[in-house]
PDB file of all heavy atoms in Angstrom:
ATOM      1  N   GLY A   1       0.768  -1.283  -0.004  1.00  0.00           N
ATOM      2  CA  GLY A   1      -0.012  -0.011   0.049  1.00  0.00           C
ATOM      3  C   GLY A   1       0.839   1.294   0.035  1.00  0.00           C
ATOM      4  O   GLY A   1       0.243   2.291   0.076  1.00  0.00           O
ATOM      5  N   ARG A   2       2.171   1.200  -0.084  1.00  0.00           N
ATOM      6  CA  ARG A   2       2.938   2.418  -0.209  1.00  0.00           C
ATOM      7  C   ARG A   2       2.791   3.064  -1.589  1.00  0.00           C
ATOM      8  O   ARG A   2       2.838   2.318  -2.510  1.00  0.00           O
ATOM      9  CB  ARG A   2       4.383   1.993   0.038  1.00  0.00           C
ATOM     10  CG  ARG A   2       5.280   3.320   0.092  1.00  0.00           C
ATOM     11  CD  ARG A   2       6.757   2.963   0.536  1.00  0.00           C
ATOM     12  NE  ARG A   2       6.705   2.333   1.955  1.00  0.00           N
ATOM     13  CZ  ARG A   2       7.817   1.838   2.529  1.00  0.00           C
ATOM     14  NH1 ARG A   2       8.921   1.785   1.934  1.00  0.00           N
ATOM     15  NH2 ARG A   2       7.751   1.356   3.629  1.00  0.00           N
ATOM     16  N   THR A   3       2.607   4.431  -1.573  1.00  0.00           N
ATOM     17  CA  THR A   3       2.300   4.969  -2.798  1.00  0.00           C
ATOM     18  C   THR A   3       3.333   6.087  -3.055  1.00  0.00           C
ATOM     19  O   THR A   3       4.092   6.568  -2.238  1.00  0.00           O
ATOM     20  CB  THR A   3       0.993   5.712  -2.692  1.00  0.00           C
ATOM     21  OG1 THR A   3       1.055   6.753  -1.619  1.00  0.00           O
ATOM     22  CG2 THR A   3      -0.239   4.742  -2.556  1.00  0.00           C
ATOM     23  N   THR A   4       3.485   6.360  -4.462  1.00  0.00           N
ATOM     24  CA  THR A   4       4.398   7.371  -4.959  1.00  0.00           C
ATOM     25  C   THR A   4       3.697   8.144  -6.016  1.00  0.00           C
ATOM     26  O   THR A   4       2.855   7.526  -6.714  1.00  0.00           O
ATOM     27  CB  THR A   4       5.755   6.792  -5.451  1.00  0.00           C
ATOM     28  OG1 THR A   4       5.431   5.974  -6.640  1.00  0.00           O
ATOM     29  CG2 THR A   4       6.485   5.994  -4.399  1.00  0.00           C
ATOM     30  N   TYR A   5       4.085   9.457  -6.219  1.00  0.00           N
ATOM     31  CA  TYR A   5       3.452  10.206  -7.258  1.00  0.00           C
ATOM     32  C   TYR A   5       4.531  11.097  -7.908  1.00  0.00           C
ATOM     33  O   TYR A   5       5.536  11.568  -7.268  1.00  0.00           O
ATOM     34  CB  TYR A   5       2.498  11.189  -6.579  1.00  0.00           C
ATOM     35  CG  TYR A   5       1.184  10.481  -5.889  1.00  0.00           C
ATOM     36  CD1 TYR A   5       1.363  10.202  -4.552  1.00  0.00           C
ATOM     37  CD2 TYR A   5       0.129   9.988  -6.602  1.00  0.00           C
ATOM     38  CE1 TYR A   5       0.362   9.520  -3.897  1.00  0.00           C
ATOM     39  CE2 TYR A   5      -0.875   9.381  -5.887  1.00  0.00           C
ATOM     40  CZ  TYR A   5      -0.725   9.129  -4.583  1.00  0.00           C
ATOM     41  OH  TYR A   5      -1.769   8.404  -3.978  1.00  0.00           O
ATOM     42  N   VAL A   6       4.369  11.427  -9.122  1.00  0.00           N
ATOM     43  CA  VAL A   6       5.237  12.358  -9.780  1.00  0.00           C
ATOM     44  C   VAL A   6       4.783  13.794  -9.300  1.00  0.00           C
ATOM     45  O   VAL A   6       3.688  13.929  -8.985  1.00  0.00           O
ATOM     46  CB  VAL A   6       5.010  12.294 -11.384  1.00  0.00           C
ATOM     47  CG1 VAL A   6       3.540  12.742 -11.831  1.00  0.00           C
ATOM     48  CG2 VAL A   6       6.030  13.056 -12.070  1.00  0.00           C
ATOM     49  N   ASP A   7       5.700  14.650  -9.236  1.00  0.00           N
ATOM     50  CA  ASP A   7       5.452  15.953  -8.603  1.00  0.00           C
ATOM     51  C   ASP A   7       4.282  16.747  -9.156  1.00  0.00           C
ATOM     52  O   ASP A   7       3.592  17.372  -8.423  1.00  0.00           O
ATOM     53  CB  ASP A   7       6.658  16.841  -8.663  1.00  0.00           C
ATOM     54  CG  ASP A   7       7.794  16.364  -7.747  1.00  0.00           C
ATOM     55  OD1 ASP A   7       7.499  15.529  -6.861  1.00  0.00           O
ATOM     56  OD2 ASP A   7       8.964  16.794  -7.917  1.00  0.00           O
ATOM     57  N   SER A   8       4.067  16.560 -10.480  1.00  0.00           N
ATOM     58  CA  SER A   8       3.017  17.368 -11.108  1.00  0.00           C
ATOM     59  C   SER A   8       1.740  16.950 -10.746  1.00  0.00           C
ATOM     60  O   SER A   8       0.692  17.736 -10.946  1.00  0.00           O
ATOM     61  CB  SER A   8       3.148  17.240 -12.614  1.00  0.00           C
ATOM     62  OG  SER A   8       3.016  15.916 -13.034  1.00  0.00           O
ATOM     63  N   VAL A   9       1.437  15.845 -10.034  1.00  0.00           N
ATOM     64  CA  VAL A   9       0.040  15.403  -9.702  1.00  0.00           C
ATOM     65  C   VAL A   9      -0.160  15.230  -8.137  1.00  0.00           C
ATOM     66  O   VAL A   9      -1.160  14.935  -7.644  1.00  0.00           O
ATOM     67  CB  VAL A   9      -0.316  14.074 -10.303  1.00  0.00           C
ATOM     68  CG1 VAL A   9      -0.075  14.051 -11.790  1.00  0.00           C
ATOM     69  CG2 VAL A   9       0.547  12.900  -9.717  1.00  0.00           C
ATOM     70  N   LYS A  10       0.951  15.495  -7.412  1.00  0.00           N
ATOM     71  CA  LYS A  10       0.883  15.410  -5.959  1.00  0.00           C
ATOM     72  C   LYS A  10      -0.157  16.369  -5.370  1.00  0.00           C
ATOM     73  O   LYS A  10      -0.222  17.635  -5.764  1.00  0.00           O
ATOM     74  CB  LYS A  10       2.293  15.736  -5.294  1.00  0.00           C
ATOM     75  CG  LYS A  10       3.218  14.567  -5.472  1.00  0.00           C
ATOM     76  CD  LYS A  10       4.529  14.978  -4.772  1.00  0.00           C
ATOM     77  CE  LYS A  10       5.565  13.731  -4.931  1.00  0.00           C
ATOM     78  NZ  LYS A  10       6.909  14.101  -4.252  1.00  0.00           N
ATOM     79  N   GLY A  11      -0.988  15.834  -4.517  1.00  0.00           N
ATOM     80  CA  GLY A  11      -2.026  16.674  -3.923  1.00  0.00           C
ATOM     81  C   GLY A  11      -3.305  16.665  -4.808  1.00  0.00           C
ATOM     82  O   GLY A  11      -4.419  17.156  -4.333  1.00  0.00           O
ATOM     83  N   ARG A  12      -3.287  16.229  -5.991  1.00  0.00           N
ATOM     84  CA  ARG A  12      -4.435  16.190  -6.885  1.00  0.00           C
ATOM     85  C   ARG A  12      -4.876  14.711  -7.265  1.00  0.00           C
ATOM     86  O   ARG A  12      -6.051  14.411  -7.420  1.00  0.00           O
ATOM     87  CB  ARG A  12      -4.202  16.905  -8.200  1.00  0.00           C
ATOM     88  CG  ARG A  12      -3.775  18.370  -8.026  1.00  0.00           C
ATOM     89  CD  ARG A  12      -3.647  19.114  -9.347  1.00  0.00           C
ATOM     90  NE  ARG A  12      -2.696  18.534 -10.271  1.00  0.00           N
ATOM     91  CZ  ARG A  12      -2.915  18.038 -11.478  1.00  0.00           C
ATOM     92  NH1 ARG A  12      -4.153  17.968 -11.913  1.00  0.00           N
ATOM     93  NH2 ARG A  12      -1.941  17.516 -12.164  1.00  0.00           N
ATOM     94  N   PHE A  13      -3.909  13.831  -7.365  1.00  0.00           N
ATOM     95  CA  PHE A  13      -4.276  12.386  -7.727  1.00  0.00           C
ATOM     96  C   PHE A  13      -4.027  11.520  -6.442  1.00  0.00           C
ATOM     97  O   PHE A  13      -3.102  11.771  -5.661  1.00  0.00           O
ATOM     98  CB  PHE A  13      -3.251  11.927  -8.790  1.00  0.00           C
ATOM     99  CG  PHE A  13      -3.622  12.495 -10.152  1.00  0.00           C
ATOM    100  CD1 PHE A  13      -4.371  13.630 -10.313  1.00  0.00           C
ATOM    101  CD2 PHE A  13      -2.958  11.980 -11.238  1.00  0.00           C
ATOM    102  CE1 PHE A  13      -4.591  14.244 -11.579  1.00  0.00           C
ATOM    103  CE2 PHE A  13      -3.175  12.458 -12.633  1.00  0.00           C
ATOM    104  CZ  PHE A  13      -3.924  13.555 -12.742  1.00  0.00           C
ATOM    105  N   SER A  14      -4.799  10.464  -6.455  1.00  0.00           N
ATOM    106  CA  SER A  14      -4.640   9.514  -5.351  1.00  0.00           C
ATOM    107  C   SER A  14      -4.744   8.110  -5.883  1.00  0.00           C
ATOM    108  O   SER A  14      -5.750   7.834  -6.658  1.00  0.00           O
ATOM    109  CB  SER A  14      -5.715   9.701  -4.331  1.00  0.00           C
ATOM    110  OG  SER A  14      -5.645   8.782  -3.281  1.00  0.00           O
ATOM    111  N   ILE A  15      -3.786   7.241  -5.711  1.00  0.00           N
ATOM    112  CA  ILE A  15      -3.890   5.814  -6.049  1.00  0.00           C
ATOM    113  C   ILE A  15      -4.227   4.951  -4.882  1.00  0.00           C
ATOM    114  O   ILE A  15      -3.627   5.057  -3.770  1.00  0.00           O
ATOM    115  CB  ILE A  15      -2.574   5.388  -6.683  1.00  0.00           C
ATOM    116  CG1 ILE A  15      -2.604   3.954  -7.351  1.00  0.00           C
ATOM    117  CG2 ILE A  15      -1.427   5.608  -5.739  1.00  0.00           C
ATOM    118  CD1 ILE A  15      -1.372   3.582  -8.085  1.00  0.00           C
ATOM    119  N   PHE A  16      -5.157   3.970  -5.076  1.00  0.00           N
ATOM    120  CA  PHE A  16      -5.443   3.048  -4.081  1.00  0.00           C
ATOM    121  C   PHE A  16      -5.909   1.716  -4.646  1.00  0.00           C
ATOM    122  O   PHE A  16      -6.280   1.691  -5.782  1.00  0.00           O
ATOM    123  CB  PHE A  16      -6.551   3.704  -3.131  1.00  0.00           C
ATOM    124  CG  PHE A  16      -7.829   4.062  -3.747  1.00  0.00           C
ATOM    125  CD1 PHE A  16      -8.928   3.245  -3.725  1.00  0.00           C
ATOM    126  CD2 PHE A  16      -7.963   5.417  -4.355  1.00  0.00           C
ATOM    127  CE1 PHE A  16     -10.072   3.640  -4.338  1.00  0.00           C
ATOM    128  CE2 PHE A  16      -9.049   5.694  -5.079  1.00  0.00           C
ATOM    129  CZ  PHE A  16     -10.234   4.884  -5.048  1.00  0.00           C
ATOM    130  N   ARG A  17      -6.004   0.752  -3.763  1.00  0.00           N
ATOM    131  CA  ARG A  17      -6.330  -0.575  -4.238  1.00  0.00           C
ATOM    132  C   ARG A  17      -7.548  -1.095  -3.435  1.00  0.00           C
ATOM    133  O   ARG A  17      -7.652  -0.963  -2.263  1.00  0.00           O
ATOM    134  CB  ARG A  17      -5.179  -1.546  -4.021  1.00  0.00           C
ATOM    135  CG  ARG A  17      -5.384  -2.886  -4.578  1.00  0.00           C
ATOM    136  CD  ARG A  17      -4.322  -3.831  -4.070  1.00  0.00           C
ATOM    137  NE  ARG A  17      -2.896  -3.357  -4.089  1.00  0.00           N
ATOM    138  CZ  ARG A  17      -2.141  -3.646  -5.160  1.00  0.00           C
ATOM    139  NH1 ARG A  17      -2.523  -4.328  -6.072  1.00  0.00           N
ATOM    140  NH2 ARG A  17      -0.840  -3.080  -5.157  1.00  0.00           N
ATOM    141  N   ASP A  18      -8.517  -1.711  -4.195  1.00  0.00           N
ATOM    142  CA  ASP A  18      -9.594  -2.479  -3.562  1.00  0.00           C
ATOM    143  C   ASP A  18      -9.109  -3.884  -3.213  1.00  0.00           C
ATOM    144  O   ASP A  18      -8.887  -4.658  -4.188  1.00  0.00           O
ATOM    145  CB  ASP A  18     -10.853  -2.429  -4.479  1.00  0.00           C
ATOM    146  CG  ASP A  18     -12.038  -3.164  -3.855  1.00  0.00           C
ATOM    147  OD1 ASP A  18     -11.802  -4.263  -3.247  1.00  0.00           O
ATOM    148  OD2 ASP A  18     -13.123  -2.636  -4.049  1.00  0.00           O
ATOM    149  N   ALA A  19      -8.983  -4.178  -2.027  1.00  0.00           N
ATOM    150  CA  ALA A  19      -8.458  -5.562  -1.633  1.00  0.00           C
ATOM    151  C   ALA A  19      -9.356  -6.675  -2.036  1.00  0.00           C
ATOM    152  O   ALA A  19      -8.796  -7.736  -2.318  1.00  0.00           O
ATOM    153  CB  ALA A  19      -8.164  -5.588  -0.176  1.00  0.00           C
ATOM    154  N   ASP A  20     -10.731  -6.451  -2.166  1.00  0.00           N
ATOM    155  CA  ASP A  20     -11.457  -7.582  -2.560  1.00  0.00           C
ATOM    156  C   ASP A  20     -11.328  -7.940  -3.980  1.00  0.00           C
ATOM    157  O   ASP A  20     -11.462  -9.163  -4.333  1.00  0.00           O
ATOM    158  CB  ASP A  20     -12.983  -7.216  -2.302  1.00  0.00           C
ATOM    159  CG  ASP A  20     -13.277  -7.078  -0.706  1.00  0.00           C
ATOM    160  OD1 ASP A  20     -12.523  -7.730   0.053  1.00  0.00           O
ATOM    161  OD2 ASP A  20     -14.191  -6.335  -0.352  1.00  0.00           O
ATOM    162  N   THR A  21     -11.161  -6.964  -4.807  1.00  0.00           N
ATOM    163  CA  THR A  21     -11.164  -7.237  -6.278  1.00  0.00           C
ATOM    164  C   THR A  21      -9.788  -7.102  -6.856  1.00  0.00           C
ATOM    165  O   THR A  21      -9.652  -7.410  -8.030  1.00  0.00           O
ATOM    166  CB  THR A  21     -12.115  -6.339  -7.005  1.00  0.00           C
ATOM    167  OG1 THR A  21     -11.724  -4.945  -6.899  1.00  0.00           O
ATOM    168  CG2 THR A  21     -13.569  -6.467  -6.431  1.00  0.00           C
ATOM    169  N   ASN A  22      -8.889  -6.597  -6.087  1.00  0.00           N
ATOM    170  CA  ASN A  22      -7.428  -6.362  -6.584  1.00  0.00           C
ATOM    171  C   ASN A  22      -7.484  -5.303  -7.680  1.00  0.00           C
ATOM    172  O   ASN A  22      -6.535  -5.272  -8.521  1.00  0.00           O
ATOM    173  CB  ASN A  22      -6.836  -7.622  -6.914  1.00  0.00           C
ATOM    174  CG  ASN A  22      -5.313  -7.500  -6.966  1.00  0.00           C
ATOM    175  OD1 ASN A  22      -4.751  -6.555  -6.429  1.00  0.00           O
ATOM    176  ND2 ASN A  22      -4.649  -8.369  -7.630  1.00  0.00           N
ATOM    177  N   THR A  23      -8.554  -4.501  -7.739  1.00  0.00           N
ATOM    178  CA  THR A  23      -8.504  -3.337  -8.690  1.00  0.00           C
ATOM    179  C   THR A  23      -7.852  -2.162  -8.127  1.00  0.00           C
ATOM    180  O   THR A  23      -7.968  -1.765  -6.985  1.00  0.00           O
ATOM    181  CB  THR A  23      -9.999  -2.987  -8.932  1.00  0.00           C
ATOM    182  OG1 THR A  23     -10.586  -4.120  -9.566  1.00  0.00           O
ATOM    183  CG2 THR A  23     -10.057  -1.872  -9.973  1.00  0.00           C
ATOM    184  N   VAL A  24      -6.944  -1.601  -8.950  1.00  0.00           N
ATOM    185  CA  VAL A  24      -6.295  -0.367  -8.507  1.00  0.00           C
ATOM    186  C   VAL A  24      -6.865   0.861  -9.212  1.00  0.00           C
ATOM    187  O   VAL A  24      -7.211   0.847 -10.455  1.00  0.00           O
ATOM    188  CB  VAL A  24      -4.848  -0.488  -8.976  1.00  0.00           C
ATOM    189  CG1 VAL A  24      -4.090   0.845  -8.610  1.00  0.00           C
ATOM    190  CG2 VAL A  24      -4.102  -1.672  -8.154  1.00  0.00           C
ATOM    191  N   TYR A  25      -7.238   1.857  -8.400  1.00  0.00           N
ATOM    192  CA  TYR A  25      -7.876   3.071  -8.939  1.00  0.00           C
ATOM    193  C   TYR A  25      -6.937   4.232  -8.890  1.00  0.00           C
ATOM    194  O   TYR A  25      -6.010   4.379  -7.968  1.00  0.00           O
ATOM    195  CB  TYR A  25      -9.081   3.405  -8.023  1.00  0.00           C
ATOM    196  CG  TYR A  25     -10.105   2.334  -8.057  1.00  0.00           C
ATOM    197  CD1 TYR A  25     -10.213   1.296  -7.117  1.00  0.00           C
ATOM    198  CD2 TYR A  25     -11.109   2.370  -9.058  1.00  0.00           C
ATOM    199  CE1 TYR A  25     -11.166   0.368  -7.082  1.00  0.00           C
ATOM    200  CE2 TYR A  25     -12.088   1.377  -9.145  1.00  0.00           C
ATOM    201  CZ  TYR A  25     -12.115   0.407  -8.096  1.00  0.00           C
ATOM    202  OH  TYR A  25     -13.142  -0.524  -8.137  1.00  0.00           O
ATOM    203  N   LEU A  26      -7.147   5.180  -9.837  1.00  0.00           N
ATOM    204  CA  LEU A  26      -6.446   6.470  -9.752  1.00  0.00           C
ATOM    205  C   LEU A  26      -7.514   7.528  -9.689  1.00  0.00           C
ATOM    206  O   LEU A  26      -8.232   7.780 -10.665  1.00  0.00           O
ATOM    207  CB  LEU A  26      -5.565   6.651 -11.084  1.00  0.00           C
ATOM    208  CG  LEU A  26      -4.725   7.931 -11.030  1.00  0.00           C
ATOM    209  CD1 LEU A  26      -3.666   7.768 -10.005  1.00  0.00           C
ATOM    210  CD2 LEU A  26      -4.092   8.089 -12.365  1.00  0.00           C
ATOM    211  N   GLN A  27      -7.625   8.176  -8.609  1.00  0.00           N
ATOM    212  CA  GLN A  27      -8.648   9.251  -8.429  1.00  0.00           C
ATOM    213  C   GLN A  27      -7.918  10.574  -8.770  1.00  0.00           C
ATOM    214  O   GLN A  27      -6.887  10.860  -8.267  1.00  0.00           O
ATOM    215  CB  GLN A  27      -9.108   9.289  -6.953  1.00  0.00           C
ATOM    216  CG  GLN A  27     -10.036  10.502  -6.620  1.00  0.00           C
ATOM    217  CD  GLN A  27     -11.364  10.415  -7.301  1.00  0.00           C
ATOM    218  OE1 GLN A  27     -11.920   9.351  -7.447  1.00  0.00           O
ATOM    219  NE2 GLN A  27     -11.883  11.508  -7.826  1.00  0.00           N
TER     220      GLN A  27
END
């Protein structure tokens, strides 16, 4: 669950994973 972001999207984009489906989202 550790996340990293390119500087240009920090504070605007969020990456997370649904543990049940193993789907990864980019908000």
